[in-house]
Amino acid sequence: MGDSNLSIRTSVHKALGGGRVADLLLWRRWCGGAMMLVSATTMYYLFEIAGYNFLPFVANVLLLFVVILFFWAKSASLLNRPLPPIPDMEFLRELLEWFLMSYTDGLIVYWQLHMTLQLARI
């Protein structure tokens, strides 16, 4: 009975990992906790109550991001300010070839399935 782990007392903060996540969940960082609560409530309202779907939400957020970058770049050129920091995107040739090959393979399978279903209707 002396070897029981139940007698060891640990704090909740340490049980949650003792880092920033534990600080956030235990409201030690008030601003972060409030932001988490507001964002979770907003997401719940958007997806559950309003019936908004996830994919259009992501598409609209990305579109908003592109519009903000466009206006930032245009205003920077007019006001002689530095352009927004956008990293150079370099694609690996092998990755691009793999993606295109898998995409065309999928199109070929789709076309064969489509033609088979067309023949079955006749």
Protein backbone atom coordinates (compact mmCIF):
# COMPACT_ATOMS: atom_id res chain seq x y z
CA MET A 1 0.00 0.00 0.00
CA GLY A 2 2.98 2.30 0.38
CA ASP A 3 3.84 2.03 -3.34
CA SER A 4 0.58 3.60 -4.48
CA ASN A 5 0.84 6.50 -6.93
CA LEU A 6 -2.37 7.97 -5.60
CA SER A 7 -0.56 9.55 -2.67
CA ILE A 8 1.57 11.73 -4.99
CA ARG A 9 0.03 15.16 -5.39
CA THR A 10 0.59 17.11 -8.58
CA SER A 11 -0.85 20.41 -9.62
CA VAL A 12 -3.30 20.73 -12.48
CA HIS A 13 -0.86 23.07 -14.22
CA LYS A 14 1.81 20.36 -14.18
CA ALA A 15 -0.72 17.71 -15.27
CA LEU A 16 -1.59 19.82 -18.33
CA GLY A 17 2.05 20.04 -19.34
CA GLY A 18 3.12 23.09 -17.41
CA GLY A 19 3.69 25.28 -20.47
CA ARG A 20 1.86 27.88 -22.47
CA VAL A 21 -1.08 25.58 -23.20
CA ALA A 22 -1.61 24.98 -19.48
CA ASP A 23 -1.39 28.73 -18.85
CA LEU A 24 -3.98 29.31 -21.54
CA LEU A 25 -6.40 26.63 -20.33
CA LEU A 26 -6.12 27.73 -16.70
CA TRP A 27 -6.62 31.42 -17.55
CA ARG A 28 -3.22 32.51 -16.25
CA ARG A 29 -2.87 34.50 -19.46
CA TRP A 30 -6.12 36.42 -19.43
CA CYS A 31 -5.89 37.85 -22.95
CA GLY A 32 -5.11 34.49 -24.53
CA GLY A 33 -7.90 32.76 -22.64
CA ALA A 34 -10.41 35.42 -23.64
CA MET A 35 -9.31 35.18 -27.27
CA MET A 36 -9.65 31.40 -27.18
CA LEU A 37 -13.16 31.66 -25.69
CA VAL A 38 -14.30 34.25 -28.23
CA SER A 39 -12.89 32.30 -31.19
CA ALA A 40 -14.42 29.01 -30.01
CA THR A 41 -17.79 30.70 -29.51
CA THR A 42 -17.58 32.30 -32.96
CA MET A 43 -16.71 28.98 -34.60
CA TYR A 44 -19.56 27.25 -32.75
CA TYR A 45 -22.01 29.93 -33.90
CA LEU A 46 -20.77 29.85 -37.52
CA PHE A 47 -20.71 26.09 -37.99
CA GLU A 48 -23.48 24.83 -35.70
CA ILE A 49 -26.10 27.56 -35.37
CA ALA A 50 -25.73 29.48 -38.65
CA GLY A 51 -25.09 26.31 -40.67
CA TYR A 52 -22.00 27.67 -42.45
CA ASN A 53 -19.74 25.04 -44.03
CA PHE A 54 -16.01 24.71 -43.43
CA LEU A 55 -14.82 24.76 -47.04
CA PRO A 56 -16.51 28.06 -48.03
CA PHE A 57 -15.21 29.56 -44.79
CA VAL A 58 -11.62 28.60 -45.65
CA ALA A 59 -12.06 29.84 -49.23
CA ASN A 60 -13.40 33.20 -48.03
CA VAL A 61 -10.58 33.60 -45.51
CA LEU A 62 -7.99 32.88 -48.22
CA LEU A 63 -9.70 35.32 -50.59
CA LEU A 64 -9.68 37.98 -47.88
CA PHE A 65 -5.97 37.30 -47.30
CA VAL A 66 -5.21 37.75 -51.02
CA VAL A 67 -7.22 41.01 -51.17
CA ILE A 68 -5.39 42.37 -48.10
CA LEU A 69 -2.02 41.49 -49.65
CA PHE A 70 -3.06 43.13 -52.92
CA PHE A 71 -4.07 46.39 -51.27
CA TRP A 72 -0.97 46.31 -49.06
CA ALA A 73 1.27 45.94 -52.11
CA LYS A 74 -0.54 48.69 -54.04
CA SER A 75 -0.45 51.12 -51.12
CA ALA A 76 3.22 50.31 -50.51
CA SER A 77 4.13 51.24 -54.06
CA LEU A 78 2.16 54.49 -53.83
CA LEU A 79 3.59 55.50 -50.43
CA ASN A 80 7.17 54.34 -51.14
CA ARG A 81 7.05 51.75 -48.38
CA PRO A 82 8.50 48.23 -48.42
CA LEU A 83 6.39 45.52 -50.02
CA PRO A 84 4.76 42.84 -47.83
CA PRO A 85 7.15 40.01 -46.95
CA ILE A 86 6.10 37.07 -49.12
CA PRO A 87 8.50 34.11 -49.22
CA ASP A 88 9.67 32.74 -52.54
CA MET A 89 7.85 29.52 -53.31
CA GLU A 90 10.10 27.03 -55.04
CA PHE A 91 8.53 23.76 -56.07
CA LEU A 92 10.55 20.61 -56.33
CA ARG A 93 10.40 19.22 -59.84
CA GLU A 94 9.85 15.67 -58.60
CA LEU A 95 6.97 16.72 -56.36
CA LEU A 96 5.32 18.64 -59.18
CA GLU A 97 5.72 15.73 -61.59
CA TRP A 98 4.29 13.30 -59.01
CA PHE A 99 1.28 15.55 -58.42
CA LEU A 100 0.60 15.99 -62.13
CA MET A 101 0.95 12.25 -62.80
CA SER A 102 -1.41 11.33 -59.96
CA TYR A 103 -3.87 13.99 -61.13
CA THR A 104 -3.84 12.71 -64.71
CA ASP A 105 -4.17 9.12 -63.48
CA GLY A 106 -7.24 10.17 -61.52
CA LEU A 107 -8.69 11.88 -64.58
CA ILE A 108 -8.10 8.76 -66.68
CA VAL A 109 -9.88 6.57 -64.11
CA TYR A 110 -12.75 9.07 -63.93
CA TRP A 111 -13.06 9.14 -67.73
CA GLN A 112 -13.04 5.35 -67.99
CA LEU A 113 -15.71 5.11 -65.28
CA HIS A 114 -17.79 7.77 -67.01
CA MET A 115 -17.58 6.01 -70.37
CA THR A 116 -18.44 2.66 -68.77
CA LEU A 117 -21.53 4.16 -67.14
CA GLN A 118 -22.52 5.76 -70.45
CA LEU A 119 -22.28 2.38 -72.16
CA ALA A 120 -24.35 0.77 -69.39
CA ARG A 121 -27.16 3.28 -69.99
CA ILE A 122 -27.42 2.39 -73.68
